[in-house]
């Protein structure tokens, strides 16, 4: 991060905290799909910073649970890029260290958003047979955690299969007043309560093709509202 960005961040309990007054980077400093012109306010976390932070999380995971077999449970759709990159970093570290982490990757889909609001109605799609988790070390990989209600429901669902251990890796954690869930064990960034898109995070299925994590504009919300 640049010096100006560093003044807006802090480190807390092993995670990077982005302060409320961080405005993000000007869109003019980066490339992004032309079809989103006017739909974004700023580049909030550049792709390169995401990748560096993900590599650090992979190292932390290797330090904690290396030499164990794990089942990586990727939460779709928003978590697919974070999960793919995290797994690749873990594989690279495993190849070049004295620890070997055997991984199996499974997928589950959660749906709880309508436009930019989290709803009480959380649907679990896929993962009908997660009996494979029984007695296993499980790493849940989620792109973003806000109120924690969805994560609490997922943890309850997963724990019903009696895994040996459950850990959670979350790229983003939002600071929200009504948070009720536990923090992920591995957190990339803590951010203000903003609606962000990109790096597979969507707004009504749009913006997944952005490499950076960006703040959506009011124009973008209206354009893609359902």
Protein backbone atom coordinates (compact mmCIF):
# COMPACT_ATOMS: atom_id res chain seq x y z
CA UNK A 1 0.00 0.00 0.00
CA UNK A 2 1.10 3.58 -0.52
CA UNK A 3 1.90 5.86 2.41
CA UNK A 4 -1.50 7.57 2.04
CA UNK A 5 -3.28 4.21 2.26
CA UNK A 6 -1.16 3.14 5.23
CA UNK A 7 -2.37 6.15 7.20
CA UNK A 8 -5.92 4.84 6.84
CA UNK A 9 -5.16 1.30 8.03
CA UNK A 10 -4.18 -0.38 11.25
CA UNK A 11 -3.32 -3.88 12.39
CA UNK A 12 -5.56 -5.58 14.94
CA UNK A 13 -5.49 -9.20 16.09
CA UNK A 14 -3.67 -10.36 12.99
CA UNK A 15 -5.90 -8.58 10.49
CA UNK A 16 -5.61 -5.37 8.47
CA UNK A 17 -8.17 -2.78 9.52
CA UNK A 18 -9.20 -0.19 6.94
CA UNK A 19 -10.49 2.90 8.73
CA UNK A 20 -13.85 4.53 8.07
CA UNK A 21 -12.34 7.61 6.41
CA UNK A 22 -10.34 5.71 3.77
CA UNK A 23 -11.78 6.98 0.45
CA UNK A 24 -10.14 4.39 -1.77
CA UNK A 25 -8.03 5.03 -4.86
CA UNK A 26 -9.09 7.07 -7.85
CA UNK A 27 -10.42 4.90 -10.66
CA UNK A 28 -8.11 6.77 -13.03
CA UNK A 29 -5.11 5.01 -11.46
CA UNK A 30 -6.27 1.54 -12.49
CA UNK A 31 -7.73 -0.38 -15.39
CA UNK A 32 -11.19 -1.89 -15.13
CA UNK A 33 -13.87 -3.03 -17.62
CA UNK A 34 -15.18 -0.13 -19.67
CA UNK A 35 -18.74 -1.38 -19.32
CA UNK A 36 -18.65 -0.35 -15.65
CA UNK A 37 -17.80 3.26 -16.39
CA UNK A 38 -19.81 5.41 -13.96
CA UNK A 39 -20.88 2.40 -11.90
CA UNK A 40 -18.00 2.58 -9.40
CA UNK A 41 -16.86 5.17 -6.88
CA UNK A 42 -13.31 4.01 -6.20
CA UNK A 43 -10.88 1.12 -6.15
CA UNK A 44 -11.02 0.16 -2.49
CA UNK A 45 -8.47 -2.67 -2.39
CA UNK A 46 -6.30 -3.22 -5.50
CA UNK A 47 -5.86 -6.72 -6.87
CA UNK A 48 -2.15 -6.84 -6.06
CA UNK A 49 -2.81 -6.05 -2.39
CA UNK A 50 -5.49 -8.77 -2.28
CA UNK A 51 -3.01 -11.31 -3.66
CA UNK A 52 -0.24 -10.35 -1.22
CA UNK A 53 -2.62 -10.58 1.72
CA UNK A 54 -3.99 -13.93 0.51
CA UNK A 55 -0.47 -15.32 0.36
CA UNK A 56 0.08 -14.24 3.96
CA UNK A 57 -3.14 -15.98 5.03
CA UNK A 58 -1.97 -19.13 3.24
CA UNK A 59 1.24 -19.02 5.26
CA UNK A 60 -0.72 -18.64 8.48
CA UNK A 61 -2.91 -21.60 7.58
CA UNK A 62 0.14 -23.73 6.77
CA UNK A 63 1.73 -22.79 10.10
CA UNK A 64 -1.42 -23.76 12.00
CA UNK A 65 -2.69 -26.86 10.25
CA UNK A 66 0.10 -28.05 7.98
CA UNK A 67 0.74 -31.83 8.07
CA UNK A 68 -3.02 -32.45 8.35
CA UNK A 69 -5.48 -33.48 5.66
CA UNK A 70 -8.18 -30.83 5.20
CA UNK A 71 -11.40 -30.38 3.31
CA UNK A 72 -11.67 -26.87 1.89
CA UNK A 73 -15.32 -25.84 1.73
CA UNK A 74 -15.63 -22.93 -0.70
CA UNK A 75 -18.69 -20.71 -0.26
CA UNK A 76 -20.02 -19.81 -3.71
CA UNK A 77 -20.37 -17.70 -5.63
CA UNK A 78 -18.49 -14.79 -4.12
CA UNK A 79 -15.75 -16.90 -2.60
CA UNK A 80 -14.57 -18.71 -5.71
CA UNK A 81 -11.68 -16.37 -6.63
CA UNK A 82 -10.45 -16.00 -3.07
CA UNK A 83 -10.64 -19.74 -2.56
CA UNK A 84 -8.87 -20.54 -5.82
CA UNK A 85 -6.03 -18.12 -5.08
CA UNK A 86 -5.75 -19.24 -1.45
CA UNK A 87 -5.55 -22.91 -2.48
CA UNK A 88 -2.90 -22.13 -5.10
CA UNK A 89 -0.76 -20.32 -2.51
CA UNK A 90 -1.15 -23.20 -0.05
CA UNK A 91 -0.14 -25.68 -2.77
CA UNK A 92 2.95 -23.62 -3.63
CA UNK A 93 3.96 -23.38 0.02
CA UNK A 94 3.38 -27.09 0.50
CA UNK A 95 5.67 -27.91 -2.44
CA UNK A 96 8.47 -25.76 -1.04
CA UNK A 97 8.39 -26.65 2.65
CA UNK A 98 8.76 -29.62 4.95
CA UNK A 99 5.02 -29.56 5.58
CA UNK A 100 2.57 -31.23 3.26
CA UNK A 101 -1.11 -30.26 3.34
CA UNK A 102 -3.36 -32.69 1.48
CA UNK A 103 -6.51 -30.88 0.39
CA UNK A 104 -9.88 -31.83 -0.98
CA UNK A 105 -12.08 -28.97 -2.23
CA UNK A 106 -15.87 -29.02 -2.01
CA UNK A 107 -18.40 -26.28 -2.74
CA UNK A 108 -21.51 -24.89 -1.13
CA UNK A 109 -23.63 -21.94 -2.19
CA UNK A 110 -25.36 -19.51 0.16
CA UNK A 111 -27.90 -16.89 -0.91
CA UNK A 112 -29.04 -14.19 1.50
CA UNK A 113 -28.79 -10.87 -0.41
CA UNK A 114 -31.37 -8.91 -2.37
CA UNK A 115 -29.78 -5.90 -4.08
CA UNK A 116 -27.48 -4.47 -1.38
CA UNK A 117 -29.36 -5.76 1.68
CA UNK A 118 -28.78 -8.96 3.61
CA UNK A 119 -32.07 -10.76 4.22
CA UNK A 120 -33.14 -13.03 7.06
CA UNK A 121 -33.90 -15.78 4.54
CA UNK A 122 -30.68 -17.73 4.00
CA UNK A 123 -30.69 -20.58 1.50
CA UNK A 124 -28.02 -23.29 1.34
CA UNK A 125 -27.72 -24.60 -2.20
CA UNK A 126 -25.55 -27.57 -3.10
CA UNK A 127 -23.53 -29.58 -0.65
CA UNK A 128 -26.47 -31.95 -0.20
CA UNK A 129 -24.16 -34.70 0.99
CA UNK A 130 -21.43 -33.31 3.22
CA UNK A 131 -20.99 -36.55 5.13
CA UNK A 132 -17.43 -36.45 3.82
CA UNK A 133 -16.79 -33.80 6.50
CA UNK A 134 -17.28 -36.31 9.30
CA UNK A 135 -14.08 -36.60 11.33
CA UNK A 136 -12.22 -34.25 8.96
CA UNK A 137 -10.41 -30.95 9.40
CA UNK A 138 -12.54 -28.38 7.56
CA UNK A 139 -11.50 -24.97 6.26
CA UNK A 140 -14.50 -22.84 5.24
CA UNK A 141 -13.47 -20.16 2.74
CA UNK A 142 -15.78 -17.15 2.49
CA UNK A 143 -15.22 -13.88 0.64
CA UNK A 144 -17.08 -11.55 3.03
CA UNK A 145 -18.67 -11.69 6.48
CA UNK A 146 -20.93 -8.87 7.68
CA UNK A 147 -23.58 -9.48 10.35
CA UNK A 148 -22.32 -13.01 10.87
CA UNK A 149 -25.82 -14.50 10.72
CA UNK A 150 -25.10 -16.37 7.51
CA UNK A 151 -21.80 -17.69 8.86
CA UNK A 152 -23.46 -18.80 12.09
CA UNK A 153 -26.07 -20.73 10.10
CA UNK A 154 -23.38 -22.33 7.93
CA UNK A 155 -21.25 -23.32 10.93
CA UNK A 156 -24.27 -24.95 12.56
CA UNK A 157 -24.99 -26.80 9.32
CA UNK A 158 -21.39 -27.99 8.92
CA UNK A 159 -20.97 -28.99 12.57
CA UNK A 160 -23.97 -31.30 12.25
CA UNK A 161 -21.70 -33.57 10.17
CA UNK A 162 -19.32 -33.84 13.16
CA UNK A 163 -16.03 -32.68 11.63
CA UNK A 164 -12.87 -33.03 13.69
CA UNK A 165 -12.04 -29.32 13.43
CA UNK A 166 -13.54 -26.29 11.68
CA UNK A 167 -11.63 -23.14 10.75
CA UNK A 168 -12.88 -20.17 8.73
CA UNK A 169 -10.92 -17.97 6.34
CA UNK A 170 -12.63 -14.71 5.35
CA UNK A 171 -11.12 -12.21 2.97
CA UNK A 172 -13.30 -9.33 4.21
CA UNK A 173 -15.07 -8.65 7.49
CA UNK A 174 -17.43 -5.67 7.69
CA UNK A 175 -17.78 -3.56 10.81
CA UNK A 176 -21.52 -3.58 11.41
CA UNK A 177 -23.52 -2.53 14.46
CA UNK A 178 -25.63 -5.69 14.54
CA UNK A 179 -22.86 -8.24 14.15
CA UNK A 180 -23.63 -11.48 15.96
CA UNK A 181 -21.19 -14.02 14.57
CA UNK A 182 -17.67 -14.99 15.45
CA UNK A 183 -14.80 -13.56 13.48
CA UNK A 184 -13.15 -15.88 10.96
CA UNK A 185 -9.97 -17.50 12.22
CA UNK A 186 -8.08 -15.98 9.28
CA UNK A 187 -9.12 -12.47 8.23
CA UNK A 188 -7.74 -10.57 5.28
CA UNK A 189 -9.18 -7.10 5.80
CA UNK A 190 -11.64 -5.51 8.19
CA UNK A 191 -13.57 -2.82 6.32
CA UNK A 192 -16.29 -0.26 7.06
CA UNK A 193 -19.92 -1.09 6.34
CA UNK A 194 -19.72 -0.36 2.61
CA UNK A 195 -21.15 -2.35 -0.25
CA UNK A 196 -18.15 -3.53 -2.24
CA UNK A 197 -17.95 -5.47 -5.48
CA UNK A 198 -15.29 -7.14 -7.57
CA UNK A 199 -12.92 -10.07 -7.12
CA UNK A 200 -16.02 -12.29 -7.56
CA UNK A 201 -18.18 -10.20 -5.17
CA UNK A 202 -21.33 -9.19 -6.99
CA UNK A 203 -24.30 -6.89 -7.04
CA UNK A 204 -27.17 -8.93 -8.51
CA UNK A 205 -24.63 -11.09 -10.37
CA UNK A 206 -22.75 -8.15 -11.94
CA UNK A 207 -19.19 -6.96 -11.18
CA UNK A 208 -17.74 -10.43 -10.58
CA UNK A 209 -15.38 -9.78 -13.50
CA UNK A 210 -13.58 -6.93 -11.70
CA UNK A 211 -10.06 -7.80 -10.50
CA UNK A 212 -10.05 -5.12 -7.80
CA UNK A 213 -12.43 -4.73 -4.88
CA UNK A 214 -14.34 -1.52 -5.55
CA UNK A 215 -17.08 0.59 -4.00
CA UNK A 216 -20.21 0.60 -6.13
CA UNK A 217 -21.74 3.99 -7.01
CA UNK A 218 -25.38 4.96 -6.67
CA UNK A 219 -25.59 4.89 -10.46
CA UNK A 220 -24.35 1.31 -10.41
CA UNK A 221 -26.91 0.29 -7.80
CA UNK A 222 -29.76 1.79 -9.79
CA UNK A 223 -28.53 0.40 -13.11
CA UNK A 224 -28.40 -3.19 -11.90
CA UNK A 225 -31.19 -3.16 -9.35
CA UNK A 226 -33.77 -5.95 -9.60
